Amino acid sequence: AKFNRMLSKKHEIPIIEVDDMRRKFERLDADGSGNLEFEEFKTLILQLFAVKDPSDMPPGRLAAFWSIVDKDGSGEIDFEEFLVFYRQFSHPPRSK
């Protein structure tokens, strides 16, 4: 909970959203590693874009999203990387 509050302040995201995203992250973390690997991330993308048939999502697009979110190139993403990515794609910035 303390880590969630820190991320809430750091990224200016309401704590209720951070807590909700933490629950989504933990549900997607099928192997319980504390990180999302590519296959778990793929599930996220399909949900985020409401893709019913995985073959409708071009592999190149999945790879592009992965390269955006896995900023440190570790091959897995931690909660903070997920939080920033999810927030960016689920709440795009408004035009001024």
N, C-alpha and C. Protein backbone atom coordinates (compact mmCIF):
# COMPACT_ATOMS: atom_id res chain seq x y z
N ALA A 1 0.83 -1.20 0.00
CA ALA A 1 0.00 0.00 0.00
C ALA A 1 0.86 1.25 0.00
N LYS A 2 1.98 1.22 0.75
CA LYS A 2 2.87 2.37 0.79
C LYS A 2 3.49 2.64 -0.58
N PHE A 3 3.90 1.54 -1.26
CA PHE A 3 4.48 1.66 -2.60
C PHE A 3 3.45 2.25 -3.57
N ASN A 4 2.19 1.83 -3.46
CA ASN A 4 1.13 2.36 -4.32
C ASN A 4 0.96 3.86 -4.10
N ARG A 5 1.01 4.30 -2.83
CA ARG A 5 0.88 5.74 -2.55
C ARG A 5 2.04 6.52 -3.16
N MET A 6 3.26 5.96 -3.07
CA MET A 6 4.43 6.62 -3.65
C MET A 6 4.26 6.76 -5.17
N LEU A 7 3.81 5.68 -5.81
CA LEU A 7 3.60 5.74 -7.27
C LEU A 7 2.49 6.71 -7.63
N SER A 8 1.45 6.77 -6.80
CA SER A 8 0.35 7.69 -7.03
C SER A 8 0.86 9.13 -7.08
N LYS A 9 1.69 9.48 -6.11
CA LYS A 9 2.26 10.84 -6.08
C LYS A 9 3.22 11.06 -7.23
N LYS A 10 4.12 10.12 -7.46
CA LYS A 10 5.16 10.25 -8.48
C LYS A 10 4.56 10.46 -9.87
N HIS A 11 3.49 9.72 -10.19
CA HIS A 11 2.92 9.78 -11.53
C HIS A 11 1.61 10.57 -11.60
N GLU A 12 1.26 11.19 -10.46
CA GLU A 12 0.05 12.02 -10.38
C GLU A 12 -1.20 11.26 -10.84
N ILE A 13 -1.35 10.07 -10.28
CA ILE A 13 -2.50 9.21 -10.56
C ILE A 13 -3.23 9.00 -9.24
N PRO A 14 -4.55 9.21 -9.22
CA PRO A 14 -5.28 9.00 -7.96
C PRO A 14 -5.02 7.61 -7.38
N ILE A 15 -4.87 7.55 -6.05
CA ILE A 15 -4.53 6.29 -5.39
C ILE A 15 -5.54 5.20 -5.69
N ILE A 16 -6.80 5.55 -5.84
CA ILE A 16 -7.81 4.53 -6.14
C ILE A 16 -7.53 3.86 -7.48
N GLU A 17 -7.02 4.65 -8.45
CA GLU A 17 -6.66 4.08 -9.75
C GLU A 17 -5.41 3.19 -9.64
N VAL A 18 -4.45 3.63 -8.85
CA VAL A 18 -3.23 2.83 -8.67
C VAL A 18 -3.60 1.49 -8.02
N ASP A 19 -4.45 1.53 -7.00
CA ASP A 19 -4.88 0.29 -6.34
C ASP A 19 -5.61 -0.62 -7.33
N ASP A 20 -6.47 -0.04 -8.17
CA ASP A 20 -7.21 -0.82 -9.17
C ASP A 20 -6.24 -1.44 -10.19
N MET A 21 -5.26 -0.65 -10.62
CA MET A 21 -4.29 -1.16 -11.58
C MET A 21 -3.41 -2.25 -10.96
N ARG A 22 -3.12 -2.12 -9.66
CA ARG A 22 -2.35 -3.16 -8.97
C ARG A 22 -3.11 -4.48 -9.02
N ARG A 23 -4.43 -4.42 -8.79
CA ARG A 23 -5.24 -5.64 -8.86
C ARG A 23 -5.23 -6.23 -10.27
N LYS A 24 -5.33 -5.38 -11.31
CA LYS A 24 -5.28 -5.86 -12.70
C LYS A 24 -3.93 -6.53 -12.97
N PHE A 25 -2.87 -5.88 -12.53
CA PHE A 25 -1.51 -6.40 -12.72
C PHE A 25 -1.39 -7.79 -12.07
N GLU A 26 -1.85 -7.89 -10.84
CA GLU A 26 -1.73 -9.18 -10.13
C GLU A 26 -2.57 -10.26 -10.80
N ARG A 27 -3.74 -9.91 -11.36
CA ARG A 27 -4.55 -10.89 -12.09
C ARG A 27 -3.84 -11.35 -13.35
N LEU A 28 -3.14 -10.44 -14.03
CA LEU A 28 -2.45 -10.78 -15.27
C LEU A 28 -1.15 -11.54 -15.02
N ASP A 29 -0.60 -11.39 -13.84
CA ASP A 29 0.66 -12.06 -13.49
C ASP A 29 0.36 -13.53 -13.18
N ALA A 30 0.10 -14.29 -14.24
CA ALA A 30 -0.36 -15.68 -14.11
C ALA A 30 0.61 -16.57 -13.34
N ASP A 31 1.91 -16.32 -13.49
CA ASP A 31 2.88 -17.19 -12.82
C ASP A 31 3.29 -16.69 -11.43
N GLY A 32 2.72 -15.55 -11.02
CA GLY A 32 2.99 -15.03 -9.69
C GLY A 32 4.41 -14.53 -9.46
N SER A 33 5.11 -14.18 -10.55
CA SER A 33 6.51 -13.75 -10.45
C SER A 33 6.68 -12.33 -9.93
N GLY A 34 5.59 -11.54 -9.94
CA GLY A 34 5.71 -10.13 -9.56
C GLY A 34 6.02 -9.25 -10.75
N ASN A 35 6.20 -9.87 -11.91
CA ASN A 35 6.45 -9.16 -13.17
C ASN A 35 5.57 -9.78 -14.25
N LEU A 36 5.35 -9.04 -15.33
CA LEU A 36 4.63 -9.59 -16.48
C LEU A 36 5.64 -9.93 -17.56
N GLU A 37 5.55 -11.15 -18.07
CA GLU A 37 6.35 -11.55 -19.21
C GLU A 37 5.53 -11.25 -20.47
N PHE A 38 6.14 -11.45 -21.63
CA PHE A 38 5.49 -11.06 -22.88
C PHE A 38 4.10 -11.69 -23.05
N GLU A 39 3.95 -12.98 -22.78
CA GLU A 39 2.65 -13.64 -22.98
C GLU A 39 1.58 -13.05 -22.07
N GLU A 40 1.96 -12.71 -20.84
CA GLU A 40 1.01 -12.07 -19.93
C GLU A 40 0.67 -10.67 -20.42
N PHE A 41 1.68 -9.97 -20.93
CA PHE A 41 1.48 -8.63 -21.49
C PHE A 41 0.55 -8.70 -22.70
N LYS A 42 0.72 -9.72 -23.52
CA LYS A 42 -0.13 -9.91 -24.70
C LYS A 42 -1.60 -9.99 -24.29
N THR A 43 -1.89 -10.69 -23.21
CA THR A 43 -3.25 -10.78 -22.68
C THR A 43 -3.77 -9.39 -22.33
N LEU A 44 -2.91 -8.58 -21.71
CA LEU A 44 -3.28 -7.20 -21.37
C LEU A 44 -3.65 -6.40 -22.61
N ILE A 45 -2.81 -6.46 -23.63
CA ILE A 45 -3.05 -5.69 -24.85
C ILE A 45 -4.36 -6.11 -25.50
N LEU A 46 -4.60 -7.40 -25.56
CA LEU A 46 -5.85 -7.88 -26.17
C LEU A 46 -7.05 -7.37 -25.39
N GLN A 47 -6.96 -7.32 -24.07
CA GLN A 47 -8.04 -6.77 -23.25
C GLN A 47 -8.17 -5.27 -23.45
N LEU A 48 -7.05 -4.58 -23.45
CA LEU A 48 -7.05 -3.12 -23.56
C LEU A 48 -7.70 -2.66 -24.86
N PHE A 49 -7.44 -3.38 -25.93
CA PHE A 49 -7.99 -3.00 -27.23
C PHE A 49 -9.24 -3.80 -27.60
N ALA A 50 -9.77 -4.55 -26.63
CA ALA A 50 -10.99 -5.34 -26.83
C ALA A 50 -10.91 -6.22 -28.07
N VAL A 51 -9.76 -6.90 -28.23
CA VAL A 51 -9.54 -7.79 -29.37
C VAL A 51 -10.05 -9.17 -28.98
N LYS A 52 -11.07 -9.65 -29.69
CA LYS A 52 -11.65 -10.94 -29.37
C LYS A 52 -10.83 -12.10 -29.94
N ASP A 53 -10.32 -11.93 -31.16
CA ASP A 53 -9.53 -12.97 -31.81
C ASP A 53 -8.07 -12.52 -31.85
N PRO A 54 -7.18 -13.20 -31.12
CA PRO A 54 -5.77 -12.78 -31.07
C PRO A 54 -5.12 -12.62 -32.44
N SER A 55 -5.61 -13.34 -33.45
CA SER A 55 -5.01 -13.22 -34.78
C SER A 55 -5.33 -11.86 -35.42
N ASP A 56 -6.26 -11.10 -34.82
CA ASP A 56 -6.59 -9.77 -35.34
C ASP A 56 -5.55 -8.72 -34.92
N MET A 57 -4.69 -9.06 -33.97
CA MET A 57 -3.65 -8.12 -33.51
C MET A 57 -2.35 -8.48 -34.21
N PRO A 58 -1.87 -7.59 -35.09
CA PRO A 58 -0.61 -7.88 -35.79
C PRO A 58 0.55 -8.08 -34.81
N PRO A 59 1.35 -9.13 -35.02
CA PRO A 59 2.49 -9.37 -34.13
C PRO A 59 3.45 -8.18 -34.03
N GLY A 60 3.59 -7.44 -35.12
CA GLY A 60 4.46 -6.26 -35.10
C GLY A 60 3.96 -5.20 -34.15
N ARG A 61 2.65 -5.06 -34.04
CA ARG A 61 2.08 -4.08 -33.11
C ARG A 61 2.35 -4.52 -31.68
N LEU A 62 2.17 -5.81 -31.41
CA LEU A 62 2.46 -6.32 -30.07
C LEU A 62 3.93 -6.07 -29.71
N ALA A 63 4.82 -6.34 -30.66
CA ALA A 63 6.25 -6.13 -30.42
C ALA A 63 6.55 -4.65 -30.17
N ALA A 64 5.86 -3.76 -30.89
CA ALA A 64 6.06 -2.32 -30.71
C ALA A 64 5.61 -1.89 -29.32
N PHE A 65 4.44 -2.37 -28.89
CA PHE A 65 3.97 -2.05 -27.54
C PHE A 65 4.94 -2.58 -26.49
N TRP A 66 5.42 -3.80 -26.70
CA TRP A 66 6.36 -4.39 -25.74
C TRP A 66 7.62 -3.53 -25.63
N SER A 67 8.12 -3.06 -26.76
CA SER A 67 9.34 -2.24 -26.72
C SER A 67 9.09 -0.91 -26.01
N ILE A 68 7.85 -0.41 -26.08
CA ILE A 68 7.50 0.83 -25.38
C ILE A 68 7.48 0.59 -23.87
N VAL A 69 6.85 -0.50 -23.45
CA VAL A 69 6.64 -0.73 -22.02
C VAL A 69 7.86 -1.30 -21.32
N ASP A 70 8.63 -2.15 -21.99
CA ASP A 70 9.81 -2.77 -21.38
C ASP A 70 11.01 -1.85 -21.58
N LYS A 71 10.95 -0.70 -20.95
CA LYS A 71 11.95 0.35 -21.16
C LYS A 71 13.37 -0.09 -20.80
N ASP A 72 13.49 -0.94 -19.81
CA ASP A 72 14.84 -1.35 -19.39
C ASP A 72 15.34 -2.59 -20.13
N GLY A 73 14.52 -3.14 -21.05
CA GLY A 73 14.94 -4.28 -21.86
C GLY A 73 15.15 -5.57 -21.09
N SER A 74 14.51 -5.69 -19.93
CA SER A 74 14.72 -6.86 -19.07
C SER A 74 13.97 -8.11 -19.54
N GLY A 75 13.00 -7.94 -20.46
CA GLY A 75 12.21 -9.09 -20.91
C GLY A 75 10.99 -9.33 -20.04
N GLU A 76 10.81 -8.48 -19.07
CA GLU A 76 9.62 -8.51 -18.23
C GLU A 76 9.36 -7.10 -17.73
N ILE A 77 8.12 -6.86 -17.31
CA ILE A 77 7.80 -5.51 -16.83
C ILE A 77 7.35 -5.59 -15.38
N ASP A 78 7.78 -4.59 -14.62
CA ASP A 78 7.36 -4.52 -13.22
C ASP A 78 6.10 -3.67 -13.13
N PHE A 79 5.59 -3.53 -11.91
CA PHE A 79 4.32 -2.82 -11.75
C PHE A 79 4.41 -1.37 -12.19
N GLU A 80 5.51 -0.69 -11.91
CA GLU A 80 5.61 0.72 -12.29
C GLU A 80 5.61 0.87 -13.81
N GLU A 81 6.33 0.02 -14.53
CA GLU A 81 6.32 0.08 -16.00
C GLU A 81 4.90 -0.17 -16.51
N PHE A 82 4.23 -1.15 -15.93
CA PHE A 82 2.84 -1.45 -16.30
C PHE A 82 1.94 -0.26 -16.02
N LEU A 83 2.09 0.34 -14.85
CA LEU A 83 1.25 1.47 -14.44
C LEU A 83 1.35 2.62 -15.44
N VAL A 84 2.57 3.00 -15.79
CA VAL A 84 2.79 4.11 -16.72
C VAL A 84 2.19 3.77 -18.10
N PHE A 85 2.44 2.56 -18.58
CA PHE A 85 1.91 2.14 -19.88
C PHE A 85 0.38 2.10 -19.86
N TYR A 86 -0.17 1.44 -18.86
CA TYR A 86 -1.63 1.28 -18.80
C TYR A 86 -2.31 2.64 -18.72
N ARG A 87 -1.78 3.51 -17.92
CA ARG A 87 -2.35 4.86 -17.77
C ARG A 87 -2.29 5.61 -19.10
N GLN A 88 -1.17 5.49 -19.79
CA GLN A 88 -1.00 6.19 -21.08
C GLN A 88 -2.02 5.72 -22.10
N PHE A 89 -2.27 4.41 -22.16
CA PHE A 89 -3.15 3.88 -23.19
C PHE A 89 -4.62 3.82 -22.78
N SER A 90 -4.90 3.88 -21.49
CA SER A 90 -6.30 3.84 -21.08
C SER A 90 -6.84 5.24 -20.80
N HIS A 91 -5.94 6.21 -20.59
CA HIS A 91 -6.32 7.61 -20.36
C HIS A 91 -5.40 8.49 -21.20
N PRO A 92 -5.59 8.50 -22.54
CA PRO A 92 -4.68 9.33 -23.34
C PRO A 92 -4.77 10.81 -22.97
N PRO A 93 -3.67 11.52 -23.10
CA PRO A 93 -3.69 12.95 -22.77
C PRO A 93 -4.71 13.69 -23.64
N ARG A 94 -5.35 14.66 -23.03
CA ARG A 94 -6.34 15.44 -23.78
C ARG A 94 -5.64 16.55 -24.56
N SER A 95 -6.18 16.84 -25.73
CA SER A 95 -5.63 17.92 -26.54
C SER A 95 -5.96 19.25 -25.87
N LYS A 96 -5.05 20.18 -25.98
CA LYS A 96 -5.28 21.50 -25.37
C LYS A 96 -5.77 22.48 -26.39
